[in-house]
Amino acid sequence: MEKRTYGKTGMEVSVLGFGGSEIGSGVSQSDVDKLLGSAIDEGLNIIDTAECYGDSEELIGRAISHRRDDFYLFTKCGHAAGVDGPDWDPRTLAETIDRSLKRLKVDHVDMIHLHSCSEEVLRQGAVIEVLQRAKQEGKTRFIGYSGDTTDALYAVRTDVFDSLETSLNVADQEAIELTLPEAIKRDMGVTVKRPIANAAWLFDTVEPNDYAYVYWNRLRDLNYGFQSEDDSIGTALRFTLSTPGVHTAIVGTQKPDRWHQNAELLKAGPLEAERYEEIRRRWKEIAPADWTGRT
């Protein structure tokens, strides 16, 4: 699998990473063992999770902590998620970081991202200090910010983060002009979440309370020509990974064979410049100002 240098961190990351949210509930340990083992065997070397993804950290720790040298481990912090205290409280934040290391069965992670933290909280400075202290103490090699819109823009411009994790796909392109140019200037690593927009165009209907509903609605208006093609998922994924500044895209799944399928889709290489620009032009023609990044 293709690898890219993750900005100033110097990590050589696979262009596909594993997103741990979907294994957070209702997935057996044996299934996670198989899922993550097959992903690493396929060449994937980014595992991304969070303190608030149910049992995700614990399942990952039990499944692959013995293969620690085979992958880069990212987690997120900020939500109390079972700890006695409010979100974004410095003491709570420090406690959840220690809990994440224990759950993941490691003495450090490669990246801790602040998870969808508002500009207001960032401006107070305390949460940033907690992450900087965790880095100084060797609990994480690098620190980053995970989020979207102007909150992410503020975080990038603080110049304290090594990494940005943000939403970007054919139905979610705000970051291409808002935050990615700033991240590129600072040589930040960039991880993209939701890189195929939940493949929402493949569904005839989506319930309003489903996370994919917003993308489904947007894609009905965008009505890209590729949506009816057999290789529509490949086109969407290649669009995301062809965007300047993007290093890796995390995909959540419960299906062990998905990694091989995604790797096959990427063998076609970057999306042709004409097709990439066609998708960008359509977005600029159709997308209203309130189609902001999805946190």
Protein backbone atom coordinates (compact mmCIF):
# COMPACT_ATOMS: atom_id res chain seq x y z
CA MET A 1 0.00 0.00 0.00
CA GLU A 2 1.24 3.49 -0.85
CA LYS A 3 2.77 5.43 2.02
CA ARG A 4 3.15 9.18 2.50
CA THR A 5 5.29 11.22 4.87
CA TYR A 6 2.98 12.60 7.56
CA GLY A 7 4.16 16.19 7.53
CA LYS A 8 6.76 17.31 10.05
CA THR A 9 6.24 14.19 12.17
CA GLY A 10 8.21 12.18 9.62
CA MET A 11 5.96 9.13 10.04
CA GLU A 12 5.55 7.09 6.86
CA VAL A 13 1.82 6.39 6.95
CA SER A 14 -0.33 4.21 4.72
CA VAL A 15 -2.84 6.14 2.61
CA LEU A 16 -5.60 4.09 4.22
CA GLY A 17 -6.06 3.92 7.97
CA PHE A 18 -8.48 2.12 10.27
CA GLY A 19 -11.12 4.19 12.07
CA GLY A 20 -12.16 2.59 15.35
CA SER A 21 -15.63 4.06 15.88
CA GLU A 22 -17.60 1.23 14.25
CA ILE A 23 -16.15 -1.48 16.48
CA GLY A 24 -17.05 0.40 19.66
CA SER A 25 -20.17 -1.64 20.41
CA GLY A 26 -21.55 -5.02 19.52
CA VAL A 27 -18.40 -6.43 17.90
CA SER A 28 -16.69 -9.50 19.35
CA GLN A 29 -13.02 -9.64 20.26
CA SER A 30 -12.43 -12.44 17.77
CA ASP A 31 -13.91 -10.34 14.96
CA VAL A 32 -11.72 -7.38 15.90
CA ASP A 33 -8.66 -9.63 16.06
CA LYS A 34 -9.35 -10.79 12.51
CA LEU A 35 -10.29 -7.32 11.26
CA LEU A 36 -7.19 -5.54 12.52
CA GLY A 37 -4.84 -8.43 11.80
CA SER A 38 -5.94 -8.52 8.17
CA ALA A 39 -5.70 -4.74 7.87
CA ILE A 40 -2.10 -4.67 9.09
CA ASP A 41 -1.23 -7.66 6.92
CA GLU A 42 -2.55 -5.70 3.90
CA GLY A 43 -0.08 -2.90 4.67
CA LEU A 44 -2.35 -0.53 6.60
CA ASN A 45 -0.35 1.07 9.43
CA ILE A 46 -2.63 3.74 10.94
CA ILE A 47 -5.06 2.80 13.73
CA ASP A 48 -7.24 5.71 14.84
CA THR A 49 -9.66 5.57 17.76
CA ALA A 50 -10.99 7.72 20.63
CA GLU A 51 -11.81 7.61 24.31
CA CYS A 52 -15.55 7.93 23.55
CA TYR A 53 -15.86 5.08 21.03
CA GLY A 54 -17.33 2.58 23.46
CA ASP A 55 -15.07 -0.47 23.84
CA SER A 56 -12.92 0.43 20.83
CA GLU A 57 -9.70 1.19 22.70
CA GLU A 58 -9.91 -1.96 24.80
CA LEU A 59 -10.67 -4.16 21.80
CA ILE A 60 -7.76 -2.67 19.87
CA GLY A 61 -5.42 -3.09 22.81
CA ARG A 62 -6.26 -6.75 23.22
CA ALA A 63 -6.10 -7.40 19.47
CA ILE A 64 -2.83 -5.86 18.35
CA SER A 65 -0.78 -4.39 21.22
CA HIS A 66 1.64 -7.30 20.69
CA ARG A 67 2.27 -5.94 17.17
CA ARG A 68 3.07 -2.43 18.39
CA ASP A 69 5.98 -1.92 15.97
CA ASP A 70 3.76 -2.65 12.96
CA PHE A 71 1.51 0.41 13.13
CA TYR A 72 1.06 3.99 14.29
CA LEU A 73 -1.53 4.41 17.02
CA PHE A 74 -3.73 7.52 17.21
CA THR A 75 -6.42 8.27 19.78
CA LYS A 76 -8.51 11.30 20.73
CA CYS A 77 -9.39 12.94 24.02
CA GLY A 78 -11.69 15.62 25.36
CA HIS A 79 -14.97 13.93 26.21
CA ALA A 80 -15.35 12.65 29.77
CA ALA A 81 -16.87 9.39 28.46
CA GLY A 82 -17.39 7.70 31.83
CA VAL A 83 -14.87 9.70 33.85
CA ASP A 84 -16.28 11.72 36.73
CA GLY A 85 -15.97 15.26 35.44
CA PRO A 86 -17.08 17.59 32.63
CA ASP A 87 -15.84 17.52 29.06
CA TRP A 88 -12.72 19.61 28.46
CA ASP A 89 -11.87 19.92 32.15
CA PRO A 90 -8.04 19.68 32.39
CA ARG A 91 -8.14 17.09 35.17
CA THR A 92 -10.67 14.98 33.29
CA LEU A 93 -8.61 15.30 30.13
CA ALA A 94 -5.44 14.07 31.84
CA GLU A 95 -7.32 11.17 33.42
CA THR A 96 -8.79 10.01 30.11
CA ILE A 97 -5.35 10.11 28.46
CA ASP A 98 -3.97 7.78 31.14
CA ARG A 99 -7.04 5.57 30.78
CA SER A 100 -6.55 5.38 27.01
CA LEU A 101 -2.98 4.13 27.45
CA LYS A 102 -4.18 1.49 29.89
CA ARG A 103 -7.00 0.37 27.59
CA LEU A 104 -4.72 0.24 24.57
CA LYS A 105 -2.08 -1.70 26.55
CA VAL A 106 0.75 0.65 25.56
CA ASP A 107 3.03 3.09 27.35
CA HIS A 108 2.58 5.73 24.65
CA VAL A 109 0.62 6.50 21.49
CA ASP A 110 1.95 8.19 18.37
CA MET A 111 -0.72 10.89 18.27
CA ILE A 112 -3.34 12.33 20.62
CA HIS A 113 -5.91 14.56 18.92
CA LEU A 114 -8.13 16.98 20.80
CA HIS A 115 -11.58 15.74 19.80
CA SER A 116 -13.91 18.37 18.25
CA CYS A 117 -12.87 21.04 20.70
CA SER A 118 -14.42 24.49 20.22
CA GLU A 119 -12.42 27.63 19.53
CA GLU A 120 -13.74 29.06 22.78
CA VAL A 121 -12.20 26.22 24.80
CA LEU A 122 -8.99 26.29 22.77
CA ARG A 123 -8.55 30.00 23.47
CA GLN A 124 -8.52 29.31 27.22
CA GLY A 125 -5.33 27.32 26.73
CA ALA A 126 -5.69 24.72 29.47
CA VAL A 127 -6.55 21.78 27.20
CA ILE A 128 -3.55 22.51 25.00
CA GLU A 129 -1.32 22.55 28.08
CA VAL A 130 -2.57 19.10 29.08
CA LEU A 131 -1.62 17.67 25.68
CA GLN A 132 1.75 19.41 25.70
CA ARG A 133 2.45 17.94 29.14
CA ALA A 134 1.45 14.47 27.94
CA LYS A 135 3.96 14.87 25.09
CA GLN A 136 6.69 16.03 27.48
CA GLU A 137 6.02 13.01 29.71
CA GLY A 138 6.34 10.61 26.79
CA LYS A 139 2.71 9.53 26.74
CA THR A 140 2.40 10.63 23.11
CA ARG A 141 4.96 11.42 20.43
CA PHE A 142 2.83 14.12 18.81
CA ILE A 143 -0.32 16.16 19.44
CA GLY A 144 -3.06 17.12 17.03
CA TYR A 145 -6.53 18.57 16.59
CA SER A 146 -9.56 16.69 15.26
CA GLY A 147 -12.44 18.81 14.04
CA ASP A 148 -13.88 21.04 11.35
CA THR A 149 -15.01 24.52 10.32
CA THR A 150 -13.60 27.65 11.95
CA ASP A 151 -12.77 25.74 15.15
CA ALA A 152 -10.27 23.71 13.14
CA LEU A 153 -8.96 26.82 11.42
CA TYR A 154 -8.21 28.43 14.78
CA ALA A 155 -6.54 25.24 16.02
CA VAL A 156 -4.28 25.06 12.96
CA ARG A 157 -3.29 28.72 13.32
CA THR A 158 -2.17 28.27 16.93
CA ASP A 159 0.95 26.57 15.53
CA VAL A 160 1.02 24.12 18.46
CA PHE A 161 -0.37 21.02 16.71
CA ASP A 162 1.48 18.49 14.59
CA SER A 163 -1.62 17.02 12.97
CA LEU A 164 -5.10 17.86 11.72
CA GLU A 165 -7.88 15.29 11.45
CA THR A 166 -10.85 16.63 9.52
CA SER A 167 -13.80 15.70 7.32
CA LEU A 168 -13.28 15.75 3.56
CA ASN A 169 -15.09 13.96 0.76
CA VAL A 170 -17.16 14.58 -2.37
CA ALA A 171 -20.03 15.87 -0.19
CA ASP A 172 -17.89 17.74 2.34
CA GLN A 173 -15.30 20.02 0.74
CA GLU A 174 -15.09 23.07 3.00
CA ALA A 175 -11.68 22.01 4.36
CA ILE A 176 -10.07 22.13 0.91
CA GLU A 177 -10.13 25.93 0.97
CA LEU A 178 -10.57 26.70 4.67
CA THR A 179 -8.03 24.64 6.60
CA LEU A 180 -5.86 22.54 4.30
CA PRO A 181 -3.88 25.49 2.87
CA GLU A 182 -3.04 26.59 6.42
CA ALA A 183 -2.09 23.03 7.42
CA ILE A 184 0.15 22.73 4.36
CA LYS A 185 1.95 25.98 5.28
CA ARG A 186 2.75 24.48 8.68
CA ASP A 187 3.78 21.06 7.31
CA MET A 188 1.10 19.36 9.42
CA GLY A 189 0.10 15.75 8.97
CA VAL A 190 -3.48 15.51 7.68
CA THR A 191 -5.84 12.62 8.36
CA VAL A 192 -9.22 12.62 6.63
CA LYS A 193 -12.29 11.10 8.27
CA ARG A 194 -15.40 10.04 6.31
CA PRO A 195 -13.44 9.91 3.02
CA ILE A 196 -16.29 8.33 1.01
CA ALA A 197 -19.17 10.31 2.55
CA ASN A 198 -20.59 7.10 4.03
CA ALA A 199 -21.23 6.00 0.40
CA ALA A 200 -24.58 7.73 0.94
CA TRP A 201 -25.41 7.95 -2.77
CA LEU A 202 -25.79 4.16 -2.91
CA PHE A 203 -28.92 4.21 -0.73
CA ASP A 204 -32.43 4.86 -2.05
CA THR A 205 -33.49 6.26 1.31
CA VAL A 206 -31.75 7.24 4.54
CA GLU A 207 -33.49 7.90 7.84
CA PRO A 208 -33.25 11.52 9.07
CA ASN A 209 -31.59 10.40 12.31
CA ASP A 210 -28.86 8.48 10.46
CA TYR A 211 -25.48 10.22 10.36
CA ALA A 212 -25.32 9.73 6.58
CA TYR A 213 -28.57 11.66 6.06
CA VAL A 214 -26.87 15.04 5.60
CA TYR A 215 -24.50 13.61 3.00
CA TRP A 216 -27.37 11.77 1.31
CA ASN A 217 -29.29 15.02 0.95
CA ARG A 218 -26.28 16.90 -0.33
CA LEU A 219 -25.48 14.23 -2.90
CA ARG A 220 -29.02 14.30 -4.30
CA ASP A 221 -28.41 17.96 -5.12
CA LEU A 222 -24.83 17.48 -6.30
CA ASN A 223 -25.81 14.51 -8.50
CA TYR A 224 -22.28 13.83 -9.68
CA GLY A 225 -22.03 11.82 -12.86
CA PHE A 226 -19.83 9.21 -11.20
CA GLN A 227 -22.55 8.30 -8.69
CA SER A 228 -24.14 5.93 -11.21
CA GLU A 229 -20.88 4.28 -12.23
CA ASP A 230 -19.80 0.82 -11.09
CA ASP A 231 -16.57 2.23 -9.60
CA SER A 232 -18.28 5.09 -7.76
CA ILE A 233 -16.69 4.26 -4.37
CA GLY A 234 -13.26 4.10 -5.96
CA THR A 235 -13.78 7.47 -7.60
CA ALA A 236 -14.90 9.05 -4.32
CA LEU A 237 -11.98 7.59 -2.36
CA ARG A 238 -9.45 8.59 -5.01
CA PHE A 239 -10.89 12.13 -5.03
CA THR A 240 -10.22 12.48 -1.32
CA LEU A 241 -6.72 11.05 -1.49
CA SER A 242 -5.88 13.19 -4.53
CA THR A 243 -6.54 16.39 -2.60
CA PRO A 244 -3.28 18.31 -1.93
CA GLY A 245 -2.18 18.09 1.70
CA VAL A 246 -3.98 14.84 2.53
CA HIS A 247 -1.76 12.03 3.83
CA THR A 248 -4.14 9.31 4.98
CA ALA A 249 -7.87 8.53 5.01
CA ILE A 250 -9.40 6.51 7.83
CA VAL A 251 -12.20 4.09 7.05
CA GLY A 252 -14.36 2.42 9.68
CA THR A 253 -15.73 -1.04 9.04
CA GLN A 254 -16.66 -4.31 10.69
CA LYS A 255 -15.79 -6.38 7.58
CA PRO A 256 -12.30 -7.97 7.51
CA ASP A 257 -12.21 -8.18 3.71
CA ARG A 258 -12.85 -4.44 3.28
CA TRP A 259 -9.15 -3.56 3.41
CA HIS A 260 -8.26 -5.74 0.48
CA GLN A 261 -11.18 -4.28 -1.48
CA ASN A 262 -10.16 -0.69 -0.72
CA ALA A 263 -6.52 -1.39 -1.57
CA GLU A 264 -7.67 -2.76 -4.93
CA LEU A 265 -9.66 0.42 -5.60
CA LEU A 266 -6.55 2.53 -5.11
CA LYS A 267 -4.46 0.58 -7.60
CA ALA A 268 -5.89 2.88 -10.28
CA GLY A 269 -3.73 5.66 -8.79
CA PRO A 270 -4.67 9.31 -8.22
CA LEU A 271 -7.91 10.55 -9.73
CA GLU A 272 -7.38 12.08 -13.16
CA ALA A 273 -6.98 15.87 -12.90
CA GLU A 274 -9.95 16.52 -15.20
CA ARG A 275 -12.27 14.33 -13.12
CA TYR A 276 -11.01 15.86 -9.89
CA GLU A 277 -11.65 19.39 -11.15
CA GLU A 278 -15.07 18.36 -12.46
CA ILE A 279 -16.10 17.32 -8.95
CA ARG A 280 -14.68 20.53 -7.50
CA ARG A 281 -16.53 22.67 -10.06
CA ARG A 282 -19.81 20.94 -9.32
CA TRP A 283 -19.33 21.54 -5.59
CA LYS A 284 -18.63 25.23 -6.12
CA GLU A 285 -21.72 25.57 -8.33
CA ILE A 286 -24.14 23.79 -5.97
CA ALA A 287 -22.91 23.96 -2.37
CA PRO A 288 -24.41 26.77 -0.28
CA ALA A 289 -22.42 28.48 2.47
CA ASP A 290 -24.03 26.38 5.21
CA TRP A 291 -22.64 23.10 3.84
CA THR A 292 -19.86 23.20 6.37
CA GLY A 293 -17.58 20.40 7.54
CA ARG A 294 -19.27 17.59 9.46
CA THR A 295 -17.86 17.20 12.96
